[in-house]
Structures are given as structure tokens and as C-alpha cells.
Amino acid sequence: MDTPDLYNLSPALRLMGMGLVLALGPLAWVWLRNKNQPMARRLRVLTLVTLFLTFDLVLFGAFTRLTDSGLGCPDWPGCYGHASPVGAQHPISVAQAAMPSGPVTHGKAWIEMIHRYLATGVGVLILTLTVFTWLERRAHSGSSPAGAAEPALPGRRRSGPCSPCEGQRTAEGTRSDKRGGAISAWWPMLTLVWVCVQGAFGALTVTMKLFPLIVTLHLLGGLILLALLRAQAVRYAQAQGDAPPVALPAATWLLLAVTFVLLWVQIALGGWVSTNYAVLACTDFPACQGSFWPQMDFREGFTLWRALGAGLDGDNISFQALTAIHYVHRLTAYVVFAALLWLASRLRHLPAMRSHALWIGVLALWQFATGLSNVVLGWPLVAAVSHTGGAAALVVVLTGAIFSSYRTPELASASKLRASSL
């Protein structure tokens, strides 16, 4: 059986055409449904639609990985040099006949290529967002953004219906001016650059034969793309004046930031568990292999640059290394779970952040339930994909909370000021 070239760019134009066709549906829906709205409104809706489709893409990527379809087409970007498995039926049949349960089958080839079609469609949508945002920015480059504060002229006091309130509004108004106004066109540009980087990791996932570090980075890249789109959507809403930023006490904002960092660490560890197939190293809970500290090989387990299933000595990775990968993820999960519930309890006291608090609490329980199901039920596909979906949803929610808020000093200084004036 002939081995195909790892990179075969002959079907690239046809793949881009298929991505364009897939993107035309959401583009037409957004433009027709919002035809009487200003361009900024249409771009905001398109950003939310792209965010939704990227979330679906992340879930389908997890499905592709968990069904062992990542090498369903062993070349990139097409399938045996074709734009779809239809044209590659013969080489796929030959590979499937040689290894019926191997990485290349007709079903796995379709799963892999559908994932690539969806990724190309998302790329077209992000390119469209970038182009139209720059055009909108240029069209309004000489005018003040809607909702922006009127610049103060030298020697002139700003008038208004509530002059006595001016001092009270100073700090908050300054923050609103910073957060309001037209969205920077660099946000979609950064998103476009990142989707290209993500495409490169997708290619390396195939050509480096599911190298665990590359697959984990590909997963993280998809979630970073979600975070960028969510931040961009918040910035559009703030530019239109629909979502003014919320002031958070310094301690609460710090807890939010720390929890956000912990979440990314936990997602990286979870990706490392999944890409090394270490989920079933512990099949009991809360103990692991009947012990709360089983035998583990941290050095081999967390050696990043190695092939799939390879250990330090060139042989297969040891069970102790897989145990270390699994158990570190589980121990960190306890910390992240507690941080999420603590954060939810703090945010629920703020009316503007109650929806975030609800989502954070629900998703924390969802992650606990799906993670536990993976362990005790033997890693079922539904629970595994749902666990990835919960992590992606947490990234979206926490990113939204961070970009929808800002840190403000505690009220202690104001209390001291009032006490000194008595």
C-alpha cells in the first residue's frame, strides 16, 4: 500500500471553495436579518454567530479525536489528494482492508474531512469580520465614535443635566470612556492571525501522527479562538453602549482573574490526559487504584516532547506515567471546582453579574458530573465530548466576565474619607 505525501496542496482551492459555500449561509442570514441595522450591529451579530459555530467546531474536534478519526485522511489538507473522501474511495478501501480497525476507514475519513470543512468555513467568517471591521473603521476614522464622551475644550466646563453629580461620575466616566467607543480593528485581526495558527496546528496534528503535545496545543488553540471571539463580541456590545462595564471589588476581580488562569491550566492538563489516553488509568473515585496516592512516574508522564504512546526509553509509556497524568488532572480539578463555586458565590451578589454566576455554578457541576462519568463509566463518548463542551463553555463565560468588568478599589478608602470630614 502506497503511503500518500503528508502535504498535498492540490485540493486546497476546492477546500477553500467549500468553506466559502458553508460560510455563505450564516453570512446571508446575518445580513438579511439585520439589513436595516448599522454595520456595527451586523458585525456584532456575525461575531456571535461565528462564536457559536466555533464552539460547535471545538465539540466536533473532540468527537474527531475521541473516535480515533484524526488520521482518517493521512495527508493534509485533503484526503489522499482529493477534496473529499468520495474521490479517495479506492485508497481508503485499500487501507481499511489492510487494517479494518485501523486509523483509516471510510467513516473516519468523512469525520476528519467534515471537521476540516467546518474549520475552513469558520476561517472564512473570521476573514469576513476582519475585512468589514477595517472598512467600518476607515469609514468612521474622522468622526467621533457613537457614545464616546465629548472632548473637553480648554477653558470650558462641560455642561449637563446633573452638574452636582460630576465629581461622583468622574472615576466611572473615565472607565466608561476607556471601554466605550468604536471597537479596535486589531481584535478581529488578532483573531484572524490566530485562526491561521490554529490551522497550522491542525496540519501538524495529522502530519506528526497525533503527537500528544501538538494535539493538546491544537485543543488549546481552539479554546483561545473562542476566547478571542467572546472578547470581540463584548467589545462590540460596549461600543454600541448596550453593555456598560461592571465595577467589581478588587478582591472579586482578583478571584475572577486567578480562576481564569486556573481554568486554562486545568484544560491543558485535561488535554494532556485525553491525548495520552490516560483517562482509564484510574477507574475508581475518589481513590485511584484503591489508593489516594498510587504509584506514579511524573518524569515520564510529563515529558512533553515524545511520540504518542512512547516512553523515555523508547518503549511504550508506562502505566505509572499514565497514572501520574490522570491523577494530577484530578487533583487540580478539586482546586478549580472550589474556585469556580467560590467565584459564583461572590458574583451572585452583584445584580449585573448574576447571569455569569449562574452559568459558572452550573458549568462547574456539569464538569464534575461528566468528569466523574468518564472515570466510573469507562470513558463513554457522550460524557467525553460533553466534558470538552463544558470546558469550552467555561472559557466563554469567564472571558465574558473578565471583559465585561473592571477592578475598582474597595470602599474602605471612601469610608476613611467620610470619617475624616466629620
Protein backbone atom coordinates (compact mmCIF):
# COMPACT_ATOMS: atom_id res chain seq x y z
CA MET A 1 0.00 0.00 0.00
CA ASP A 2 1.45 3.35 -1.07
CA THR A 3 1.82 6.00 1.60
CA PRO A 4 0.45 9.40 0.50
CA ASP A 5 2.50 12.56 0.73
CA LEU A 6 1.91 14.24 4.09
CA TYR A 7 1.25 17.59 2.40
CA ASN A 8 -0.68 17.62 -0.86
CA LEU A 9 -1.95 21.11 -1.69
CA SER A 10 -3.69 20.19 -4.95
CA PRO A 11 -7.20 20.19 -3.37
CA ALA A 12 -6.59 23.38 -1.37
CA LEU A 13 -8.56 25.70 -3.68
CA ARG A 14 -11.53 23.34 -3.75
CA LEU A 15 -11.46 23.09 0.04
CA MET A 16 -11.46 26.88 0.33
CA GLY A 17 -14.40 26.99 -2.06
CA MET A 18 -16.30 24.51 0.13
CA GLY A 19 -15.51 26.63 3.18
CA LEU A 20 -16.85 29.69 1.35
CA VAL A 21 -20.07 27.85 0.48
CA LEU A 22 -20.52 26.83 4.14
CA ALA A 23 -19.91 30.40 5.30
CA LEU A 24 -22.41 31.92 2.85
CA GLY A 25 -25.37 30.58 4.83
CA PRO A 26 -24.53 32.35 8.14
CA LEU A 27 -23.38 35.46 6.27
CA ALA A 28 -26.63 35.72 4.31
CA TRP A 29 -28.72 35.13 7.45
CA VAL A 30 -26.92 37.85 9.41
CA TRP A 31 -27.03 40.43 6.61
CA LEU A 32 -30.67 39.82 5.66
CA ARG A 33 -31.95 39.63 9.22
CA ASN A 34 -30.14 42.88 10.13
CA LYS A 35 -30.37 44.69 6.78
CA ASN A 36 -31.82 47.82 8.39
CA GLN A 37 -29.24 47.86 11.18
CA PRO A 38 -25.94 49.78 11.14
CA MET A 39 -22.82 47.91 10.12
CA ALA A 40 -21.57 47.76 13.72
CA ARG A 41 -24.71 45.87 14.71
CA ARG A 42 -24.31 43.38 11.86
CA LEU A 43 -20.68 42.79 12.76
CA ARG A 44 -21.62 42.16 16.37
CA VAL A 45 -24.26 39.58 15.38
CA LEU A 46 -21.84 37.95 12.94
CA THR A 47 -19.26 37.71 15.73
CA LEU A 48 -21.78 35.90 17.95
CA VAL A 49 -22.74 33.54 15.10
CA THR A 50 -19.05 32.81 14.46
CA LEU A 51 -18.56 32.20 18.18
CA PHE A 52 -21.42 29.68 18.17
CA LEU A 53 -20.05 27.87 15.11
CA THR A 54 -16.54 27.84 16.59
CA PHE A 55 -17.96 26.27 19.74
CA ASP A 56 -19.53 23.58 17.54
CA LEU A 57 -16.20 23.15 15.76
CA VAL A 58 -14.43 22.56 19.09
CA LEU A 59 -17.01 19.93 20.01
CA PHE A 60 -16.68 18.24 16.63
CA GLY A 61 -12.90 18.33 17.01
CA ALA A 62 -13.28 16.48 20.31
CA PHE A 63 -15.58 13.98 18.58
CA THR A 64 -12.97 13.52 15.84
CA ARG A 65 -10.24 12.85 18.38
CA LEU A 66 -12.32 10.58 20.60
CA THR A 67 -13.49 8.42 17.69
CA ASP A 68 -9.83 7.99 16.61
CA SER A 69 -10.59 9.77 13.34
CA GLY A 70 -7.69 12.21 13.48
CA LEU A 71 -5.81 10.20 10.85
CA GLY A 72 -8.90 9.25 8.85
CA CYS A 73 -7.22 11.08 5.98
CA PRO A 74 -3.45 10.71 6.49
CA ASP A 75 -2.49 13.74 4.39
CA TRP A 76 -3.35 17.44 4.56
CA PRO A 77 -5.39 19.45 3.64
CA GLY A 78 -7.36 16.97 1.54
CA CYS A 79 -7.88 13.23 1.63
CA TYR A 80 -5.35 11.28 -0.46
CA GLY A 81 -5.02 14.37 -2.63
CA HIS A 82 -8.78 14.80 -3.09
CA ALA A 83 -11.17 17.41 -1.73
CA SER A 84 -13.47 14.76 -0.25
CA PRO A 85 -13.46 11.04 0.60
CA VAL A 86 -15.62 10.45 -2.49
CA GLY A 87 -12.62 10.85 -4.76
CA ALA A 88 -10.43 8.85 -2.37
CA GLN A 89 -12.63 5.76 -2.11
CA HIS A 90 -10.06 3.39 -3.59
CA PRO A 91 -7.06 4.24 -1.33
CA ILE A 92 -9.36 4.36 1.70
CA SER A 93 -10.76 0.92 0.84
CA VAL A 94 -7.24 -0.47 0.45
CA ALA A 95 -6.18 0.95 3.82
CA GLN A 96 -9.34 -0.32 5.51
CA ALA A 97 -8.91 -3.80 4.02
CA ALA A 98 -5.33 -3.95 5.29
CA MET A 99 -6.37 -2.83 8.81
CA PRO A 100 -10.18 -2.92 9.34
CA SER A 101 -9.96 -1.32 12.80
CA GLY A 102 -7.09 0.99 11.89
CA PRO A 103 -6.96 4.78 11.67
CA VAL A 104 -8.19 4.92 8.04
CA THR A 105 -11.75 3.85 7.28
CA HIS A 106 -14.50 5.41 5.19
CA GLY A 107 -16.37 6.59 8.28
CA LYS A 108 -13.30 8.08 9.93
CA ALA A 109 -12.29 9.79 6.68
CA TRP A 110 -15.65 11.54 6.49
CA ILE A 111 -15.46 12.61 10.14
CA GLU A 112 -12.00 14.06 9.61
CA MET A 113 -12.93 15.90 6.41
CA ILE A 114 -16.17 17.32 7.85
CA HIS A 115 -14.05 18.74 10.66
CA ARG A 116 -11.77 20.38 8.08
CA TYR A 117 -14.75 21.78 6.13
CA LEU A 118 -16.18 23.33 9.29
CA ALA A 119 -12.79 24.80 10.19
CA THR A 120 -12.46 26.34 6.74
CA GLY A 121 -15.96 27.83 7.00
CA VAL A 122 -15.12 29.41 10.36
CA GLY A 123 -11.94 30.80 8.83
CA VAL A 124 -13.96 32.47 6.06
CA LEU A 125 -16.30 34.05 8.62
CA ILE A 126 -13.37 35.40 10.63
CA LEU A 127 -11.78 36.79 7.46
CA THR A 128 -15.09 38.50 6.63
CA LEU A 129 -15.25 40.00 10.13
CA THR A 130 -11.73 41.34 9.77
CA VAL A 131 -12.27 42.92 6.35
CA PHE A 132 -15.60 44.59 7.21
CA THR A 133 -14.38 45.81 10.59
CA TRP A 134 -11.43 47.54 8.93
CA LEU A 135 -13.74 49.04 6.31
CA GLU A 136 -16.13 50.25 9.01
CA ARG A 137 -13.23 51.68 10.97
CA ARG A 138 -11.91 53.56 7.95
CA ALA A 139 -15.39 54.90 7.13
CA HIS A 140 -15.64 56.44 10.60
CA SER A 141 -11.99 57.31 11.14
CA GLY A 142 -12.70 61.03 11.03
CA SER A 143 -15.77 61.05 13.28
CA SER A 144 -16.25 60.50 16.98
CA PRO A 145 -17.43 57.00 17.88
CA ALA A 146 -21.03 56.67 18.95
CA GLY A 147 -21.44 57.01 22.63
CA ALA A 148 -17.99 58.46 23.21
CA ALA A 149 -17.56 61.32 25.63
CA GLU A 150 -17.45 64.82 24.22
CA PRO A 151 -13.87 66.12 24.42
CA ALA A 152 -13.44 68.97 26.87
CA LEU A 153 -12.30 72.27 25.35
CA PRO A 154 -9.69 74.44 27.07
CA GLY A 155 -11.27 76.87 29.49
CA ARG A 156 -14.73 75.39 29.10
CA ARG A 157 -16.66 73.39 31.67
CA ARG A 158 -18.75 70.52 30.39
CA SER A 159 -22.42 71.24 30.98
CA GLY A 160 -25.06 68.67 31.71
CA PRO A 161 -28.29 67.96 33.50
CA CYS A 162 -26.53 66.82 36.65
CA SER A 163 -23.62 69.13 37.31
CA PRO A 164 -23.52 68.37 41.06
CA CYS A 165 -23.03 64.74 40.16
CA GLU A 166 -19.88 65.45 38.13
CA GLY A 167 -17.46 64.52 40.87
CA GLN A 168 -19.37 61.36 41.60
CA ARG A 169 -19.19 60.31 37.96
CA THR A 170 -15.53 61.11 37.37
CA ALA A 171 -13.98 57.71 38.12
CA GLU A 172 -16.78 55.74 36.49
CA GLY A 173 -16.97 58.04 33.49
CA THR A 174 -13.25 57.75 32.86
CA ARG A 175 -13.53 53.98 32.90
CA SER A 176 -16.52 54.07 30.53
CA ASP A 177 -14.60 56.29 28.13
CA LYS A 178 -11.76 53.80 28.14
CA ARG A 179 -14.05 50.85 27.49
CA GLY A 180 -16.54 52.56 25.17
CA GLY A 181 -16.24 53.94 21.67
CA ALA A 182 -15.57 52.09 18.43
CA ILE A 183 -14.08 48.65 18.63
CA SER A 184 -10.45 48.36 17.67
CA ALA A 185 -9.97 46.64 14.33
CA TRP A 186 -6.98 44.87 15.83
CA TRP A 187 -9.28 42.45 17.68
CA PRO A 188 -10.55 40.73 14.52
CA MET A 189 -7.07 40.96 13.03
CA LEU A 190 -5.64 39.10 16.03
CA THR A 191 -8.44 36.54 15.69
CA LEU A 192 -7.62 36.06 12.00
CA VAL A 193 -3.94 35.54 12.74
CA TRP A 194 -4.81 33.05 15.44
CA VAL A 195 -7.16 31.01 13.21
CA CYS A 196 -4.26 30.67 10.76
CA VAL A 197 -2.01 29.44 13.59
CA GLN A 198 -4.76 27.03 14.58
CA GLY A 199 -4.89 25.73 11.02
CA ALA A 200 -1.14 25.09 11.15
CA PHE A 201 -1.57 23.06 14.33
CA GLY A 202 -4.34 21.11 12.61
CA ALA A 203 -1.95 20.23 9.80
CA LEU A 204 0.77 19.19 12.26
CA THR A 205 -1.74 17.03 14.14
CA VAL A 206 -2.05 14.89 11.01
CA THR A 207 1.49 15.02 9.67
CA MET A 208 3.08 14.33 13.08
CA LYS A 209 0.75 11.35 13.66
CA LEU A 210 -1.22 12.64 16.66
CA PHE A 211 1.87 13.82 18.55
CA PRO A 212 0.40 14.41 22.05
CA LEU A 213 1.88 17.90 22.56
CA ILE A 214 0.67 19.09 19.15
CA VAL A 215 -2.83 17.68 19.68
CA THR A 216 -3.02 19.32 23.12
CA LEU A 217 -1.90 22.66 21.67
CA HIS A 218 -4.49 22.27 18.91
CA LEU A 219 -7.19 21.84 21.56
CA LEU A 220 -5.94 24.88 23.49
CA GLY A 221 -5.79 26.85 20.25
CA GLY A 222 -9.45 26.19 19.57
CA LEU A 223 -10.38 27.43 23.03
CA ILE A 224 -8.18 30.52 22.65
CA LEU A 225 -10.10 31.23 19.43
CA LEU A 226 -13.33 31.02 21.42
CA ALA A 227 -11.94 33.46 23.99
CA LEU A 228 -10.88 35.93 21.28
CA LEU A 229 -14.31 35.86 19.65
CA ARG A 230 -16.06 36.27 23.01
CA ALA A 231 -13.86 39.25 23.90
CA GLN A 232 -14.55 40.74 20.48
CA ALA A 233 -18.32 40.32 20.95
CA VAL A 234 -18.16 42.09 24.33
CA ARG A 235 -16.18 44.95 22.81
CA TYR A 236 -18.80 45.40 20.07
CA ALA A 237 -21.58 45.49 22.70
CA GLN A 238 -19.66 48.08 24.72
CA ALA A 239 -19.00 50.19 21.62
CA GLN A 240 -22.76 50.30 20.96
CA GLY A 241 -23.49 51.20 24.56
CA ASP A 242 -25.52 48.04 25.14
CA ALA A 243 -23.29 46.54 27.84
CA PRO A 244 -21.53 49.08 30.06
CA PRO A 245 -18.64 47.56 32.02
CA VAL A 246 -19.38 46.47 35.57
CA ALA A 247 -17.26 47.62 38.51
CA LEU A 248 -16.07 44.68 40.63
CA PRO A 249 -14.48 44.93 44.07
CA ALA A 250 -10.73 44.39 43.84
CA ALA A 251 -10.87 41.08 45.72
CA THR A 252 -13.65 39.71 43.49
CA TRP A 253 -11.90 40.78 40.30
CA LEU A 254 -8.67 39.16 41.51
CA LEU A 255 -10.56 35.94 42.26
CA LEU A 256 -12.02 36.07 38.75
CA ALA A 257 -8.57 36.50 37.20
CA VAL A 258 -6.99 33.72 39.28
CA THR A 259 -9.86 31.35 38.48
CA PHE A 260 -9.48 32.14 34.79
CA VAL A 261 -5.78 31.21 34.92
CA LEU A 262 -6.51 28.04 36.89
CA LEU A 263 -9.12 27.06 34.32
CA TRP A 264 -6.57 27.24 31.50
CA VAL A 265 -4.08 25.16 33.49
CA GLN A 266 -6.77 22.55 34.11
CA ILE A 267 -7.80 22.49 30.44
CA ALA A 268 -4.16 21.95 29.41
CA LEU A 269 -3.90 19.06 31.89
CA GLY A 270 -7.19 17.63 30.63
CA GLY A 271 -5.97 17.82 27.05
CA TRP A 272 -2.79 16.02 28.10
CA VAL A 273 -4.90 13.29 29.71
CA SER A 274 -7.02 12.86 26.61
CA THR A 275 -4.22 12.94 24.03
CA ASN A 276 -2.23 10.37 26.02
CA TYR A 277 -5.33 8.18 26.54
CA ALA A 278 -4.80 8.27 30.30
CA VAL A 279 -8.48 8.62 31.28
CA LEU A 280 -8.79 4.96 32.30
CA ALA A 281 -5.58 4.89 34.35
CA CYS A 282 -7.88 5.43 37.35
CA THR A 283 -11.28 3.77 37.21
CA ASP A 284 -12.40 4.39 40.80
CA PHE A 285 -13.28 7.54 42.71
CA PRO A 286 -12.25 9.35 44.88
CA ALA A 287 -9.30 6.96 45.22
CA CYS A 288 -7.18 5.81 42.29
CA GLN A 289 -6.33 2.12 42.04
CA GLY A 290 -7.52 1.71 45.62
CA SER A 291 -5.12 4.35 46.94
CA PHE A 292 -5.15 8.10 47.46
CA TRP A 293 -1.53 8.23 46.29
CA PRO A 294 -0.95 5.48 43.71
CA GLN A 295 2.39 4.68 42.12
CA MET A 296 3.19 7.44 39.63
CA ASP A 297 6.02 8.38 37.29
CA PHE A 298 5.83 12.16 36.92
CA ARG A 299 9.04 12.47 34.90
CA GLU A 300 7.90 10.19 32.11
CA GLY A 301 4.28 11.31 32.30
CA PHE A 302 5.11 14.99 31.85
CA THR A 303 7.91 14.68 29.32
CA LEU A 304 6.27 16.77 26.62
CA TRP A 305 8.31 16.05 23.51
CA ARG A 306 7.62 12.41 22.69
CA ALA A 307 5.52 10.46 20.22
CA LEU A 308 2.11 9.02 21.05
CA GLY A 309 2.45 6.05 23.40
CA ALA A 310 6.25 6.38 23.66
CA GLY A 311 8.14 6.34 26.94
CA LEU A 312 11.53 7.73 27.87
CA ASP A 313 13.38 4.54 27.00
CA GLY A 314 11.87 4.28 23.54
CA ASP A 315 9.45 1.59 24.66
CA ASN A 316 5.76 2.05 25.43
CA ILE A 317 4.82 4.61 28.06
CA SER A 318 4.48 3.05 31.50
CA PHE A 319 1.21 2.66 33.36
CA GLN A 320 2.70 4.64 36.25
CA ALA A 321 3.26 7.57 33.87
CA LEU A 322 -0.34 7.41 32.67
CA THR A 323 -1.47 7.31 36.30
CA ALA A 324 0.54 10.45 37.05
CA ILE A 325 -1.05 12.27 34.08
CA HIS A 326 -4.56 11.30 35.20
CA TYR A 327 -4.14 11.94 38.91
CA VAL A 328 -2.57 15.39 38.56
CA HIS A 329 -5.54 16.42 36.44
CA ARG A 330 -7.91 15.06 39.09
CA LEU A 331 -6.17 16.81 41.98
CA THR A 332 -6.13 20.11 40.12
CA ALA A 333 -9.82 19.65 39.33
CA TYR A 334 -10.63 19.86 43.05
CA VAL A 335 -8.91 23.24 43.28
CA VAL A 336 -10.59 24.61 40.14
CA PHE A 337 -14.01 23.29 41.21
CA ALA A 338 -13.71 25.06 44.57
CA ALA A 339 -12.51 28.29 42.91
CA LEU A 340 -15.44 28.26 40.46
CA LEU A 341 -18.02 27.78 43.21
CA TRP A 342 -16.39 30.48 45.32
CA LEU A 343 -16.38 32.86 42.37
CA ALA A 344 -20.02 32.10 41.60
CA SER A 345 -20.99 32.84 45.21
CA ARG A 346 -19.19 36.22 45.06
CA LEU A 347 -20.64 37.28 41.70
CA ARG A 348 -24.23 36.41 42.55
CA HIS A 349 -24.35 39.34 44.99
CA LEU A 350 -23.83 41.75 42.06
CA PRO A 351 -27.04 42.16 40.02
CA ALA A 352 -25.17 42.81 36.75
CA MET A 353 -23.11 39.62 37.16
CA ARG A 354 -25.79 37.19 38.34
CA SER A 355 -26.15 35.51 34.97
CA HIS A 356 -22.38 34.89 34.92
CA ALA A 357 -22.58 33.49 38.45
CA LEU A 358 -25.39 31.12 37.46
CA TRP A 359 -23.55 29.84 34.40
CA ILE A 360 -20.30 29.38 36.32
CA GLY A 361 -22.02 27.38 39.06
CA VAL A 362 -23.98 25.20 36.62
CA LEU A 363 -20.95 24.52 34.42
CA ALA A 364 -18.77 23.66 37.43
CA LEU A 365 -21.31 20.99 38.44
CA TRP A 366 -21.54 19.85 34.81
CA GLN A 367 -17.78 19.37 34.63
CA PHE A 368 -17.76 17.42 37.88
CA ALA A 369 -20.56 15.13 36.66
CA THR A 370 -19.10 14.50 33.20
CA GLY A 371 -15.58 14.04 34.55
CA LEU A 372 -16.81 11.51 37.09
CA SER A 373 -18.80 9.73 34.37
CA ASN A 374 -15.66 9.38 32.27
CA VAL A 375 -13.94 7.57 35.13
CA VAL A 376 -16.64 5.28 36.51
CA LEU A 377 -18.42 4.52 33.20
CA GLY A 378 -15.31 3.73 31.20
CA TRP A 379 -14.92 6.93 29.16
CA PRO A 380 -18.19 6.90 27.15
CA LEU A 381 -18.18 9.08 24.05
CA VAL A 382 -21.11 11.25 25.14
CA ALA A 383 -19.54 12.06 28.51
CA ALA A 384 -16.13 12.73 26.95
CA VAL A 385 -17.49 15.16 24.34
CA SER A 386 -19.71 16.79 26.99
CA HIS A 387 -16.68 17.29 29.24
CA THR A 388 -14.88 19.14 26.45
CA GLY A 389 -18.03 21.17 25.81
CA GLY A 390 -18.22 22.17 29.46
CA ALA A 391 -14.62 23.35 29.43
CA ALA A 392 -15.25 25.38 26.26
CA ALA A 393 -18.38 26.93 27.79
CA LEU A 394 -16.44 27.92 30.92
CA VAL A 395 -13.85 29.65 28.74
CA VAL A 396 -16.61 31.62 27.01
CA VAL A 397 -18.35 32.57 30.28
CA LEU A 398 -15.21 33.57 32.19
CA THR A 399 -13.83 35.50 29.22
CA GLY A 400 -17.12 37.37 29.03
CA ALA A 401 -17.00 38.10 32.76
CA ILE A 402 -13.46 39.47 32.57
CA PHE A 403 -14.07 41.71 29.56
CA SER A 404 -17.44 42.87 30.93
CA SER A 405 -15.95 44.12 34.17
CA TYR A 406 -13.11 46.12 35.64
CA ARG A 407 -11.39 46.27 39.00
CA THR A 408 -12.27 49.06 41.39
CA PRO A 409 -10.73 49.76 44.81
CA GLU A 410 -12.62 48.57 47.86
CA LEU A 411 -14.85 51.13 49.59
CA ALA A 412 -12.54 51.36 52.60
CA SER A 413 -10.81 54.48 51.28
CA ALA A 414 -14.16 56.25 50.79
CA SER A 415 -15.17 55.35 54.35
CA LYS A 416 -11.94 56.80 55.69
CA LEU A 417 -12.52 59.99 53.72
CA ARG A 418 -16.02 60.42 55.13
CA ALA A 419 -14.77 59.74 58.68
CA SER A 420 -12.03 62.38 58.37
CA SER A 421 -14.54 65.02 57.27
CA LEU A 422 -16.71 64.59 60.38
